[in-house]
């Protein structure tokens, strides 16, 4: 798996946090707050793959661009950054050895918690 940090998504996430578009929820809330597959499909139909890509800190270069499998480590609900998503992705990225994604998530979490 050739997953790498999606720098564009990271910039997007930071901008959302600076603009106050963040949900400061708890660690285990992501299972409840994560968009369902149908929500993802509607978002893709409405906004396109480029916008979908902006909501994921990981990109798998081994997958085709216009597939959900190409984008990993979501950080929000297509409207706001969720603190619980960032915590979850930081942990998963660390578990799978994606240190650049883990480190970016940690800094994003620090930005969220700074307010």
PDB file of N, CA and C in Angstrom:
ATOM      1  N   UNK A   1       0.846  -1.182   0.000  1.00  0.00           N
ATOM      2  CA  UNK A   1       0.000   0.000   0.000  1.00  0.00           C
ATOM      3  C   UNK A   1       0.887   1.240   0.000  1.00  0.00           C
ATOM      4  N   UNK A   2       0.691   2.083  -0.981  1.00  0.00           N
ATOM      5  CA  UNK A   2       1.515   3.281  -1.132  1.00  0.00           C
ATOM      6  C   UNK A   2       0.747   4.514  -0.671  1.00  0.00           C
ATOM      7  N   UNK A   3       0.378   4.535   0.585  1.00  0.00           N
ATOM      8  CA  UNK A   3      -0.386   5.659   1.113  1.00  0.00           C
ATOM      9  C   UNK A   3       0.559   6.767   1.539  1.00  0.00           C
ATOM     10  N   UNK A   4       0.217   7.961   1.124  1.00  0.00           N
ATOM     11  CA  UNK A   4       1.043   9.128   1.447  1.00  0.00           C
ATOM     12  C   UNK A   4       0.153  10.236   1.997  1.00  0.00           C
ATOM     13  N   UNK A   5       0.782  11.203   2.634  1.00  0.00           N
ATOM     14  CA  UNK A   5       0.080  12.358   3.176  1.00  0.00           C
ATOM     15  C   UNK A   5      -0.476  13.216   2.045  1.00  0.00           C
ATOM     16  N   UNK A   6      -1.728  13.572   2.170  1.00  0.00           N
ATOM     17  CA  UNK A   6      -2.397  14.450   1.223  1.00  0.00           C
ATOM     18  C   UNK A   6      -2.238  15.891   1.727  1.00  0.00           C
ATOM     19  N   UNK A   7      -1.226  16.560   1.230  1.00  0.00           N
ATOM     20  CA  UNK A   7      -0.891  17.918   1.689  1.00  0.00           C
ATOM     21  C   UNK A   7      -2.029  18.903   1.440  1.00  0.00           C
ATOM     22  N   UNK A   8      -2.730  18.754   0.323  1.00  0.00           N
ATOM     23  CA  UNK A   8      -3.841  19.648   0.012  1.00  0.00           C
ATOM     24  C   UNK A   8      -4.950  19.493   1.047  1.00  0.00           C
ATOM     25  N   UNK A   9      -5.250  18.257   1.428  1.00  0.00           N
ATOM     26  CA  UNK A   9      -6.279  18.007   2.446  1.00  0.00           C
ATOM     27  C   UNK A   9      -5.848  18.574   3.794  1.00  0.00           C
ATOM     28  N   UNK A  10      -4.573  18.455   4.111  1.00  0.00           N
ATOM     29  CA  UNK A  10      -4.073  18.993   5.371  1.00  0.00           C
ATOM     30  C   UNK A  10      -4.244  20.518   5.408  1.00  0.00           C
ATOM     31  N   UNK A  11      -3.913  21.190   4.318  1.00  0.00           N
ATOM     32  CA  UNK A  11      -4.112  22.644   4.253  1.00  0.00           C
ATOM     33  C   UNK A  11      -5.599  22.990   4.390  1.00  0.00           C
ATOM     34  N   UNK A  12      -6.438  22.212   3.752  1.00  0.00           N
ATOM     35  CA  UNK A  12      -7.891  22.423   3.837  1.00  0.00           C
ATOM     36  C   UNK A  12      -8.359  22.269   5.282  1.00  0.00           C
ATOM     37  N   UNK A  13      -7.907  21.219   5.949  1.00  0.00           N
ATOM     38  CA  UNK A  13      -8.301  20.976   7.340  1.00  0.00           C
ATOM     39  C   UNK A  13      -7.845  22.118   8.244  1.00  0.00           C
ATOM     40  N   UNK A  14      -6.619  22.558   8.081  1.00  0.00           N
ATOM     41  CA  UNK A  14      -6.109  23.666   8.898  1.00  0.00           C
ATOM     42  C   UNK A  14      -6.941  24.927   8.686  1.00  0.00           C
ATOM     43  N   UNK A  15      -7.288  25.190   7.446  1.00  0.00           N
ATOM     44  CA  UNK A  15      -8.089  26.363   7.128  1.00  0.00           C
ATOM     45  C   UNK A  15      -9.468  26.273   7.789  1.00  0.00           C
ATOM     46  N   UNK A  16     -10.073  25.104   7.747  1.00  0.00           N
ATOM     47  CA  UNK A  16     -11.375  24.915   8.386  1.00  0.00           C
ATOM     48  C   UNK A  16     -11.288  25.163   9.889  1.00  0.00           C
ATOM     49  N   UNK A  17     -10.235  24.645  10.511  1.00  0.00           N
ATOM     50  CA  UNK A  17     -10.066  24.837  11.957  1.00  0.00           C
ATOM     51  C   UNK A  17      -9.883  26.312  12.269  1.00  0.00           C
ATOM     52  N   UNK A  18      -9.047  26.984  11.512  1.00  0.00           N
ATOM     53  CA  UNK A  18      -8.833  28.425  11.740  1.00  0.00           C
ATOM     54  C   UNK A  18     -10.121  29.221  11.564  1.00  0.00           C
ATOM     55  N   UNK A  19     -10.999  28.744  10.673  1.00  0.00           N
ATOM     56  CA  UNK A  19     -12.284  29.417  10.431  1.00  0.00           C
ATOM     57  C   UNK A  19     -13.357  29.004  11.435  1.00  0.00           C
ATOM     58  N   UNK A  20     -12.996  28.156  12.390  1.00  0.00           N
ATOM     59  CA  UNK A  20     -13.947  27.732  13.406  1.00  0.00           C
ATOM     60  C   UNK A  20     -14.891  26.629  12.972  1.00  0.00           C
ATOM     61  N   UNK A  21     -14.614  26.015  11.850  1.00  0.00           N
ATOM     62  CA  UNK A  21     -15.472  24.941  11.347  1.00  0.00           C
ATOM     63  C   UNK A  21     -14.948  23.605  11.871  1.00  0.00           C
ATOM     64  N   UNK A  22     -15.136  23.410  13.170  1.00  0.00           N
ATOM     65  CA  UNK A  22     -14.621  22.227  13.857  1.00  0.00           C
ATOM     66  C   UNK A  22     -15.616  21.790  14.924  1.00  0.00           C
ATOM     67  N   UNK A  23     -15.722  20.486  15.109  1.00  0.00           N
ATOM     68  CA  UNK A  23     -16.539  19.904  16.175  1.00  0.00           C
ATOM     69  C   UNK A  23     -15.567  19.346  17.200  1.00  0.00           C
ATOM     70  N   UNK A  24     -15.629  19.868  18.410  1.00  0.00           N
ATOM     71  CA  UNK A  24     -14.709  19.427  19.463  1.00  0.00           C
ATOM     72  C   UNK A  24     -15.373  18.313  20.268  1.00  0.00           C
ATOM     73  N   UNK A  25     -15.477  17.175  19.623  1.00  0.00           N
ATOM     74  CA  UNK A  25     -16.129  16.024  20.225  1.00  0.00           C
ATOM     75  C   UNK A  25     -15.113  15.117  20.895  1.00  0.00           C
ATOM     76  N   UNK A  26     -15.585  14.022  21.427  1.00  0.00           N
ATOM     77  CA  UNK A  26     -14.738  13.101  22.187  1.00  0.00           C
ATOM     78  C   UNK A  26     -14.192  11.979  21.313  1.00  0.00           C
ATOM     79  N   UNK A  27     -13.152  11.352  21.769  1.00  0.00           N
ATOM     80  CA  UNK A  27     -12.409  10.330  21.045  1.00  0.00           C
ATOM     81  C   UNK A  27     -13.284   9.285  20.365  1.00  0.00           C
ATOM     82  N   UNK A  28     -14.218   8.713  21.067  1.00  0.00           N
ATOM     83  CA  UNK A  28     -14.989   7.590  20.533  1.00  0.00           C
ATOM     84  C   UNK A  28     -16.220   8.002  19.735  1.00  0.00           C
ATOM     85  N   UNK A  29     -16.417   9.283  19.502  1.00  0.00           N
ATOM     86  CA  UNK A  29     -17.603   9.759  18.795  1.00  0.00           C
ATOM     87  C   UNK A  29     -17.558   9.530  17.285  1.00  0.00           C
ATOM     88  N   UNK A  30     -16.394   9.250  16.724  1.00  0.00           N
ATOM     89  CA  UNK A  30     -16.272   9.154  15.273  1.00  0.00           C
ATOM     90  C   UNK A  30     -17.151   8.050  14.694  1.00  0.00           C
ATOM     91  N   UNK A  31     -17.334   6.951  15.389  1.00  0.00           N
ATOM     92  CA  UNK A  31     -18.181   5.883  14.860  1.00  0.00           C
ATOM     93  C   UNK A  31     -19.614   6.378  14.657  1.00  0.00           C
ATOM     94  N   UNK A  32     -20.032   7.337  15.448  1.00  0.00           N
ATOM     95  CA  UNK A  32     -21.374   7.923  15.318  1.00  0.00           C
ATOM     96  C   UNK A  32     -21.388   9.094  14.326  1.00  0.00           C
ATOM     97  N   UNK A  33     -20.291   9.823  14.221  1.00  0.00           N
ATOM     98  CA  UNK A  33     -20.255  11.046  13.434  1.00  0.00           C
ATOM     99  C   UNK A  33     -19.757  10.863  11.998  1.00  0.00           C
ATOM    100  N   UNK A  34     -19.101   9.760  11.727  1.00  0.00           N
ATOM    101  CA  UNK A  34     -18.546   9.532  10.390  1.00  0.00           C
ATOM    102  C   UNK A  34     -19.656   9.450   9.350  1.00  0.00           C
ATOM    103  N   UNK A  35     -19.460  10.050   8.186  1.00  0.00           N
ATOM    104  CA  UNK A  35     -20.470   9.964   7.135  1.00  0.00           C
ATOM    105  C   UNK A  35     -20.681   8.508   6.691  1.00  0.00           C
ATOM    106  N   UNK A  36     -21.931   8.159   6.465  1.00  0.00           N
ATOM    107  CA  UNK A  36     -22.264   6.840   5.943  1.00  0.00           C
ATOM    108  C   UNK A  36     -21.898   6.782   4.460  1.00  0.00           C
ATOM    109  N   UNK A  37     -21.811   5.582   3.927  1.00  0.00           N
ATOM    110  CA  UNK A  37     -21.468   5.407   2.515  1.00  0.00           C
ATOM    111  C   UNK A  37     -22.420   6.186   1.609  1.00  0.00           C
ATOM    112  N   UNK A  38     -23.698   6.202   1.939  1.00  0.00           N
ATOM    113  CA  UNK A  38     -24.668   6.947   1.129  1.00  0.00           C
ATOM    114  C   UNK A  38     -24.377   8.451   1.172  1.00  0.00           C
ATOM    115  N   UNK A  39     -23.964   8.956   2.333  1.00  0.00           N
ATOM    116  CA  UNK A  39     -23.597  10.373   2.450  1.00  0.00           C
ATOM    117  C   UNK A  39     -22.366  10.681   1.594  1.00  0.00           C
ATOM    118  N   UNK A  40     -21.409   9.772   1.624  1.00  0.00           N
ATOM    119  CA  UNK A  40     -20.216   9.948   0.792  1.00  0.00           C
ATOM    120  C   UNK A  40     -20.593   9.987  -0.680  1.00  0.00           C
ATOM    121  N   UNK A  41     -21.460   9.063  -1.102  1.00  0.00           N
ATOM    122  CA  UNK A  41     -21.878   9.007  -2.507  1.00  0.00           C
ATOM    123  C   UNK A  41     -22.586  10.286  -2.934  1.00  0.00           C
ATOM    124  N   UNK A  42     -23.458  10.793  -2.085  1.00  0.00           N
ATOM    125  CA  UNK A  42     -24.153  12.048  -2.397  1.00  0.00           C
ATOM    126  C   UNK A  42     -23.161  13.205  -2.515  1.00  0.00           C
ATOM    127  N   UNK A  43     -22.187  13.240  -1.602  1.00  0.00           N
ATOM    128  CA  UNK A  43     -21.183  14.292  -1.652  1.00  0.00           C
ATOM    129  C   UNK A  43     -20.387  14.210  -2.954  1.00  0.00           C
ATOM    130  N   UNK A  44     -19.969  13.024  -3.325  1.00  0.00           N
ATOM    131  CA  UNK A  44     -19.211  12.843  -4.569  1.00  0.00           C
ATOM    132  C   UNK A  44     -20.048  13.264  -5.768  1.00  0.00           C
ATOM    133  N   UNK A  45     -21.321  12.866  -5.800  1.00  0.00           N
ATOM    134  CA  UNK A  45     -22.205  13.240  -6.905  1.00  0.00           C
ATOM    135  C   UNK A  45     -22.373  14.758  -7.000  1.00  0.00           C
ATOM    136  N   UNK A  46     -22.475  15.404  -5.856  1.00  0.00           N
ATOM    137  CA  UNK A  46     -22.715  16.843  -5.807  1.00  0.00           C
ATOM    138  C   UNK A  46     -21.439  17.660  -6.044  1.00  0.00           C
ATOM    139  N   UNK A  47     -20.334  17.251  -5.383  1.00  0.00           N
ATOM    140  CA  UNK A  47     -19.110  18.065  -5.373  1.00  0.00           C
ATOM    141  C   UNK A  47     -17.966  17.520  -6.223  1.00  0.00           C
ATOM    142  N   UNK A  48     -17.965  16.230  -6.490  1.00  0.00           N
ATOM    143  CA  UNK A  48     -16.916  15.616  -7.306  1.00  0.00           C
ATOM    144  C   UNK A  48     -15.791  15.004  -6.487  1.00  0.00           C
ATOM    145  N   UNK A  49     -14.953  14.278  -7.189  1.00  0.00           N
ATOM    146  CA  UNK A  49     -13.863  13.542  -6.552  1.00  0.00           C
ATOM    147  C   UNK A  49     -12.795  14.451  -5.954  1.00  0.00           C
ATOM    148  N   UNK A  50     -12.534  15.589  -6.576  1.00  0.00           N
ATOM    149  CA  UNK A  50     -11.506  16.488  -6.053  1.00  0.00           C
ATOM    150  C   UNK A  50     -11.881  16.975  -4.667  1.00  0.00           C
ATOM    151  N   UNK A  51     -13.129  17.375  -4.501  1.00  0.00           N
ATOM    152  CA  UNK A  51     -13.577  17.821  -3.176  1.00  0.00           C
ATOM    153  C   UNK A  51     -13.582  16.670  -2.182  1.00  0.00           C
ATOM    154  N   UNK A  52     -13.975  15.491  -2.609  1.00  0.00           N
ATOM    155  CA  UNK A  52     -13.950  14.313  -1.734  1.00  0.00           C
ATOM    156  C   UNK A  52     -12.523  14.063  -1.237  1.00  0.00           C
ATOM    157  N   UNK A  53     -11.584  14.179  -2.128  1.00  0.00           N
ATOM    158  CA  UNK A  53     -10.172  13.977  -1.797  1.00  0.00           C
ATOM    159  C   UNK A  53      -9.700  14.954  -0.721  1.00  0.00           C
ATOM    160  N   UNK A  54     -10.238  16.169  -0.725  1.00  0.00           N
ATOM    161  CA  UNK A  54      -9.828  17.190   0.243  1.00  0.00           C
ATOM    162  C   UNK A  54     -10.199  16.841   1.675  1.00  0.00           C
ATOM    163  N   UNK A  55     -11.020  15.839   1.883  1.00  0.00           N
ATOM    164  CA  UNK A  55     -11.477  15.452   3.222  1.00  0.00           C
ATOM    165  C   UNK A  55     -10.754  14.219   3.759  1.00  0.00           C
ATOM    166  N   UNK A  56      -9.638  13.842   3.138  1.00  0.00           N
ATOM    167  CA  UNK A  56      -8.882  12.652   3.546  1.00  0.00           C
ATOM    168  C   UNK A  56      -7.396  12.965   3.600  1.00  0.00           C
ATOM    169  N   UNK A  57      -6.764  12.675   4.731  1.00  0.00           N
ATOM    170  CA  UNK A  57      -5.332  12.968   4.870  1.00  0.00           C
ATOM    171  C   UNK A  57      -4.439  11.947   4.194  1.00  0.00           C
ATOM    172  N   UNK A  58      -5.005  10.828   3.760  1.00  0.00           N
ATOM    173  CA  UNK A  58      -4.208   9.815   3.085  1.00  0.00           C
ATOM    174  C   UNK A  58      -4.672   9.589   1.655  1.00  0.00           C
ATOM    175  N   UNK A  59      -3.699   9.393   0.758  1.00  0.00           N
ATOM    176  CA  UNK A  59      -3.974   9.045  -0.631  1.00  0.00           C
ATOM    177  C   UNK A  59      -3.165   7.792  -0.946  1.00  0.00           C
ATOM    178  N   UNK A  60      -3.846   6.775  -1.475  1.00  0.00           N
ATOM    179  CA  UNK A  60      -3.182   5.534  -1.864  1.00  0.00           C
ATOM    180  C   UNK A  60      -2.934   5.582  -3.366  1.00  0.00           C
ATOM    181  N   UNK A  61      -1.686   5.770  -3.746  1.00  0.00           N
ATOM    182  CA  UNK A  61      -1.327   5.905  -5.158  1.00  0.00           C
ATOM    183  C   UNK A  61      -1.472   4.612  -5.940  1.00  0.00           C
ATOM    184  N   UNK A  62      -1.664   3.488  -5.260  1.00  0.00           N
ATOM    185  CA  UNK A  62      -1.871   2.215  -5.945  1.00  0.00           C
ATOM    186  C   UNK A  62      -3.319   2.028  -6.396  1.00  0.00           C
ATOM    187  N   UNK A  63      -4.207   2.893  -5.922  1.00  0.00           N
ATOM    188  CA  UNK A  63      -5.626   2.801  -6.276  1.00  0.00           C
ATOM    189  C   UNK A  63      -5.959   3.825  -7.366  1.00  0.00           C
ATOM    190  N   UNK A  64      -7.031   3.562  -8.093  1.00  0.00           N
ATOM    191  CA  UNK A  64      -7.487   4.513  -9.117  1.00  0.00           C
ATOM    192  C   UNK A  64      -8.019   5.771  -8.439  1.00  0.00           C
ATOM    193  N   UNK A  65      -7.744   6.933  -9.042  1.00  0.00           N
ATOM    194  CA  UNK A  65      -8.103   8.226  -8.460  1.00  0.00           C
ATOM    195  C   UNK A  65      -9.577   8.351  -8.112  1.00  0.00           C
ATOM    196  N   UNK A  66     -10.444   7.946  -8.973  1.00  0.00           N
ATOM    197  CA  UNK A  66     -11.865   8.156  -8.752  1.00  0.00           C
ATOM    198  C   UNK A  66     -12.532   6.926  -8.144  1.00  0.00           C
ATOM    199  N   UNK A  67     -11.932   6.453  -7.053  1.00  0.00           N
ATOM    200  CA  UNK A  67     -12.509   5.374  -6.256  1.00  0.00           C
ATOM    201  C   UNK A  67     -12.326   5.738  -4.784  1.00  0.00           C
ATOM    202  N   UNK A  68     -13.247   5.282  -3.971  1.00  0.00           N
ATOM    203  CA  UNK A  68     -13.135   5.576  -2.540  1.00  0.00           C
ATOM    204  C   UNK A  68     -11.897   4.933  -1.934  1.00  0.00           C
ATOM    205  N   UNK A  69     -11.445   3.827  -2.491  1.00  0.00           N
ATOM    206  CA  UNK A  69     -10.270   3.147  -1.977  1.00  0.00           C
ATOM    207  C   UNK A  69      -8.991   3.955  -2.083  1.00  0.00           C
ATOM    208  N   UNK A  70      -9.001   4.978  -2.913  1.00  0.00           N
ATOM    209  CA  UNK A  70      -7.808   5.807  -3.088  1.00  0.00           C
ATOM    210  C   UNK A  70      -7.615   6.801  -1.951  1.00  0.00           C
ATOM    211  N   UNK A  71      -8.671   7.020  -1.148  1.00  0.00           N
ATOM    212  CA  UNK A  71      -8.627   8.062  -0.133  1.00  0.00           C
ATOM    213  C   UNK A  71      -8.879   7.470   1.241  1.00  0.00           C
ATOM    214  N   UNK A  72      -7.947   7.722   2.153  1.00  0.00           N
ATOM    215  CA  UNK A  72      -8.013   7.149   3.495  1.00  0.00           C
ATOM    216  C   UNK A  72      -7.811   8.240   4.546  1.00  0.00           C
ATOM    217  N   UNK A  73      -8.074   7.890   5.756  1.00  0.00           N
ATOM    218  CA  UNK A  73      -7.892   8.779   6.899  1.00  0.00           C
ATOM    219  C   UNK A  73      -8.751  10.047   6.804  1.00  0.00           C
ATOM    220  N   UNK A  74     -10.082   9.874   6.793  1.00  0.00           N
ATOM    221  CA  UNK A  74     -10.974  11.035   6.776  1.00  0.00           C
ATOM    222  C   UNK A  74     -10.892  11.808   8.087  1.00  0.00           C
ATOM    223  N   UNK A  75     -11.083  13.122   8.012  1.00  0.00           N
ATOM    224  CA  UNK A  75     -10.984  13.958   9.211  1.00  0.00           C
ATOM    225  C   UNK A  75     -12.258  14.748   9.495  1.00  0.00           C
ATOM    226  N   UNK A  76     -13.303  14.557   8.708  1.00  0.00           N
ATOM    227  CA  UNK A  76     -14.514  15.328   8.949  1.00  0.00           C
ATOM    228  C   UNK A  76     -15.716  14.803   8.211  1.00  0.00           C
ATOM    229  N   UNK A  77     -16.780  15.594   8.255  1.00  0.00           N
ATOM    230  CA  UNK A  77     -18.081  15.172   7.733  1.00  0.00           C
ATOM    231  C   UNK A  77     -18.491  15.928   6.473  1.00  0.00           C
ATOM    232  N   UNK A  78     -17.534  16.489   5.742  1.00  0.00           N
ATOM    233  CA  UNK A  78     -17.747  17.266   4.524  1.00  0.00           C
ATOM    234  C   UNK A  78     -18.290  18.671   4.814  1.00  0.00           C
ATOM    235  N   UNK A  79     -18.317  19.016   6.085  1.00  0.00           N
ATOM    236  CA  UNK A  79     -18.726  20.348   6.486  1.00  0.00           C
ATOM    237  C   UNK A  79     -17.769  20.916   7.530  1.00  0.00           C
ATOM    238  N   UNK A  80     -17.411  20.055   8.495  1.00  0.00           N
ATOM    239  CA  UNK A  80     -16.539  20.464   9.595  1.00  0.00           C
ATOM    240  C   UNK A  80     -15.513  19.379   9.894  1.00  0.00           C
ATOM    241  N   UNK A  81     -14.396  19.818  10.462  1.00  0.00           N
ATOM    242  CA  UNK A  81     -13.390  18.905  10.992  1.00  0.00           C
ATOM    243  C   UNK A  81     -13.932  18.360  12.317  1.00  0.00           C
ATOM    244  N   UNK A  82     -13.774  17.076  12.521  1.00  0.00           N
ATOM    245  CA  UNK A  82     -14.188  16.469  13.790  1.00  0.00           C
ATOM    246  C   UNK A  82     -12.944  16.059  14.575  1.00  0.00           C
ATOM    247  N   UNK A  83     -12.860  16.551  15.780  1.00  0.00           N
ATOM    248  CA  UNK A  83     -11.740  16.210  16.662  1.00  0.00           C
ATOM    249  C   UNK A  83     -11.616  14.687  16.805  1.00  0.00           C
ATOM    250  N   UNK A  84     -12.752  14.004  16.948  1.00  0.00           N
ATOM    251  CA  UNK A  84     -12.736  12.548  17.125  1.00  0.00           C
ATOM    252  C   UNK A  84     -12.155  11.846  15.894  1.00  0.00           C
ATOM    253  N   UNK A  85     -12.400  12.378  14.712  1.00  0.00           N
ATOM    254  CA  UNK A  85     -11.852  11.789  13.490  1.00  0.00           C
ATOM    255  C   UNK A  85     -10.344  11.946  13.450  1.00  0.00           C
ATOM    256  N   UNK A  86      -9.862  13.114  13.869  1.00  0.00           N
ATOM    257  CA  UNK A  86      -8.418  13.368  13.864  1.00  0.00           C
ATOM    258  C   UNK A  86      -7.719  12.450  14.862  1.00  0.00           C
ATOM    259  N   UNK A  87      -8.326  12.260  16.028  1.00  0.00           N
ATOM    260  CA  UNK A  87      -7.760  11.340  17.022  1.00  0.00           C
ATOM    261  C   UNK A  87      -7.718   9.930  16.455  1.00  0.00           C
ATOM    262  N   UNK A  88      -8.804   9.520  15.848  1.00  0.00           N
ATOM    263  CA  UNK A  88      -8.893   8.171  15.282  1.00  0.00           C
ATOM    264  C   UNK A  88      -7.870   7.963  14.174  1.00  0.00           C
ATOM    265  N   UNK A  89      -7.758   8.916  13.280  1.00  0.00           N
ATOM    266  CA  UNK A  89      -6.824   8.731  12.170  1.00  0.00           C
ATOM    267  C   UNK A  89      -5.378   8.797  12.633  1.00  0.00           C
ATOM    268  N   UNK A  90      -5.105   9.605  13.647  1.00  0.00           N
ATOM    269  CA  UNK A  90      -3.740   9.643  14.190  1.00  0.00           C
ATOM    270  C   UNK A  90      -3.341   8.262  14.711  1.00  0.00           C
ATOM    271  N   UNK A  91      -4.241   7.644  15.441  1.00  0.00           N
ATOM    272  CA  UNK A  91      -3.977   6.323  16.000  1.00  0.00           C
ATOM    273  C   UNK A  91      -3.796   5.272  14.901  1.00  0.00           C
ATOM    274  N   UNK A  92      -4.714   5.254  13.940  1.00  0.00           N
ATOM    275  CA  UNK A  92      -4.635   4.267  12.860  1.00  0.00           C
ATOM    276  C   UNK A  92      -3.402   4.473  11.990  1.00  0.00           C
ATOM    277  N   UNK A  93      -3.072   5.716  11.711  1.00  0.00           N
ATOM    278  CA  UNK A  93      -1.881   5.988  10.899  1.00  0.00           C
ATOM    279  C   UNK A  93      -0.632   5.475  11.606  1.00  0.00           C
ATOM    280  N   UNK A  94      -0.565   5.688  12.908  1.00  0.00           N
ATOM    281  CA  UNK A  94       0.566   5.183  13.678  1.00  0.00           C
ATOM    282  C   UNK A  94       0.627   3.666  13.675  1.00  0.00           C
ATOM    283  N   UNK A  95      -0.515   3.015  13.811  1.00  0.00           N
ATOM    284  CA  UNK A  95      -0.573   1.549  13.811  1.00  0.00           C
ATOM    285  C   UNK A  95      -0.048   0.963  12.511  1.00  0.00           C
ATOM    286  N   UNK A  96      -0.321   1.638  11.397  1.00  0.00           N
ATOM    287  CA  UNK A  96       0.052   1.111  10.087  1.00  0.00           C
ATOM    288  C   UNK A  96       1.340   1.709   9.533  1.00  0.00           C
ATOM    289  N   UNK A  97       2.061   2.450  10.362  1.00  0.00           N
ATOM    290  CA  UNK A  97       3.370   2.945   9.966  1.00  0.00           C
ATOM    291  C   UNK A  97       3.361   4.137   9.026  1.00  0.00           C
ATOM    292  N   UNK A  98       2.271   4.869   8.982  1.00  0.00           N
ATOM    293  CA  UNK A  98       2.200   6.078   8.159  1.00  0.00           C
ATOM    294  C   UNK A  98       2.568   7.273   9.048  1.00  0.00           C
ATOM    295  N   UNK A  99       3.851   7.370   9.332  1.00  0.00           N
ATOM    296  CA  UNK A  99       4.326   8.348  10.304  1.00  0.00           C
ATOM    297  C   UNK A  99       4.060   9.785   9.886  1.00  0.00           C
ATOM    298  N   UNK A 100       4.140  10.077   8.593  1.00  0.00           N
ATOM    299  CA  UNK A 100       3.889  11.441   8.136  1.00  0.00           C
ATOM    300  C   UNK A 100       2.426  11.836   8.366  1.00  0.00           C
ATOM    301  N   UNK A 101       1.515  10.914   8.145  1.00  0.00           N
ATOM    302  CA  UNK A 101       0.095  11.181   8.378  1.00  0.00           C
ATOM    303  C   UNK A 101      -0.175  11.287   9.874  1.00  0.00           C
ATOM    304  N   UNK A 102       0.420  10.391  10.647  1.00  0.00           N
ATOM    305  CA  UNK A 102       0.274  10.443  12.105  1.00  0.00           C
ATOM    306  C   UNK A 102       0.746  11.777  12.656  1.00  0.00           C
ATOM    307  N   UNK A 103       1.917  12.213  12.217  1.00  0.00           N
ATOM    308  CA  UNK A 103       2.487  13.468  12.713  1.00  0.00           C
ATOM    309  C   UNK A 103       1.651  14.677  12.293  1.00  0.00           C
ATOM    310  N   UNK A 104       1.139  14.657  11.072  1.00  0.00           N
ATOM    311  CA  UNK A 104       0.280  15.752  10.608  1.00  0.00           C
ATOM    312  C   UNK A 104      -1.011  15.789  11.422  1.00  0.00           C
ATOM    313  N   UNK A 105      -1.567  14.624  11.717  1.00  0.00           N
ATOM    314  CA  UNK A 105      -2.795  14.561  12.519  1.00  0.00           C
ATOM    315  C   UNK A 105      -2.545  15.086  13.926  1.00  0.00           C
ATOM    316  N   UNK A 106      -1.399  14.752  14.487  1.00  0.00           N
ATOM    317  CA  UNK A 106      -1.066  15.235  15.829  1.00  0.00           C
ATOM    318  C   UNK A 106      -1.009  16.763  15.855  1.00  0.00           C
ATOM    319  N   UNK A 107      -0.381  17.354  14.845  1.00  0.00           N
ATOM    320  CA  UNK A 107      -0.295  18.817  14.787  1.00  0.00           C
ATOM    321  C   UNK A 107      -1.668  19.438  14.536  1.00  0.00           C
ATOM    322  N   UNK A 108      -2.485  18.766  13.746  1.00  0.00           N
ATOM    323  CA  UNK A 108      -3.850  19.260  13.522  1.00  0.00           C
ATOM    324  C   UNK A 108      -4.649  19.210  14.810  1.00  0.00           C
ATOM    325  N   UNK A 109      -4.482  18.159  15.569  1.00  0.00           N
ATOM    326  CA  UNK A 109      -5.166  18.042  16.863  1.00  0.00           C
ATOM    327  C   UNK A 109      -4.707  19.143  17.809  1.00  0.00           C
ATOM    328  N   UNK A 110      -3.425  19.451  17.807  1.00  0.00           N
ATOM    329  CA  UNK A 110      -2.917  20.544  18.639  1.00  0.00           C
ATOM    330  C   UNK A 110      -3.546  21.870  18.228  1.00  0.00           C
ATOM    331  N   UNK A 111      -3.741  22.075  16.929  1.00  0.00           N
ATOM    332  CA  UNK A 111      -4.384  23.295  16.437  1.00  0.00           C
ATOM    333  C   UNK A 111      -5.835  23.359  16.918  1.00  0.00           C
ATOM    334  N   UNK A 112      -6.521  22.232  16.866  1.00  0.00           N
ATOM    335  CA  UNK A 112      -7.904  22.168  17.324  1.00  0.00           C
ATOM    336  C   UNK A 112      -7.982  22.490  18.815  1.00  0.00           C
ATOM    337  N   UNK A 113      -7.096  21.898  19.586  1.00  0.00           N
ATOM    338  CA  UNK A 113      -7.141  22.039  21.041  1.00  0.00           C
ATOM    339  C   UNK A 113      -6.582  23.372  21.544  1.00  0.00           C
ATOM    340  N   UNK A 114      -5.935  24.126  20.665  1.00  0.00           N
ATOM    341  CA  UNK A 114      -5.335  25.407  21.067  1.00  0.00           C
ATOM    342  C   UNK A 114      -6.380  26.476  21.374  1.00  0.00           C
ATOM    343  N   UNK A 115      -7.538  26.332  20.803  1.00  0.00           N
ATOM    344  CA  UNK A 115      -8.590  27.347  21.016  1.00  0.00           C
ATOM    345  C   UNK A 115      -9.250  27.212  22.363  1.00  0.00           C
TER     346      UNK A 115
END
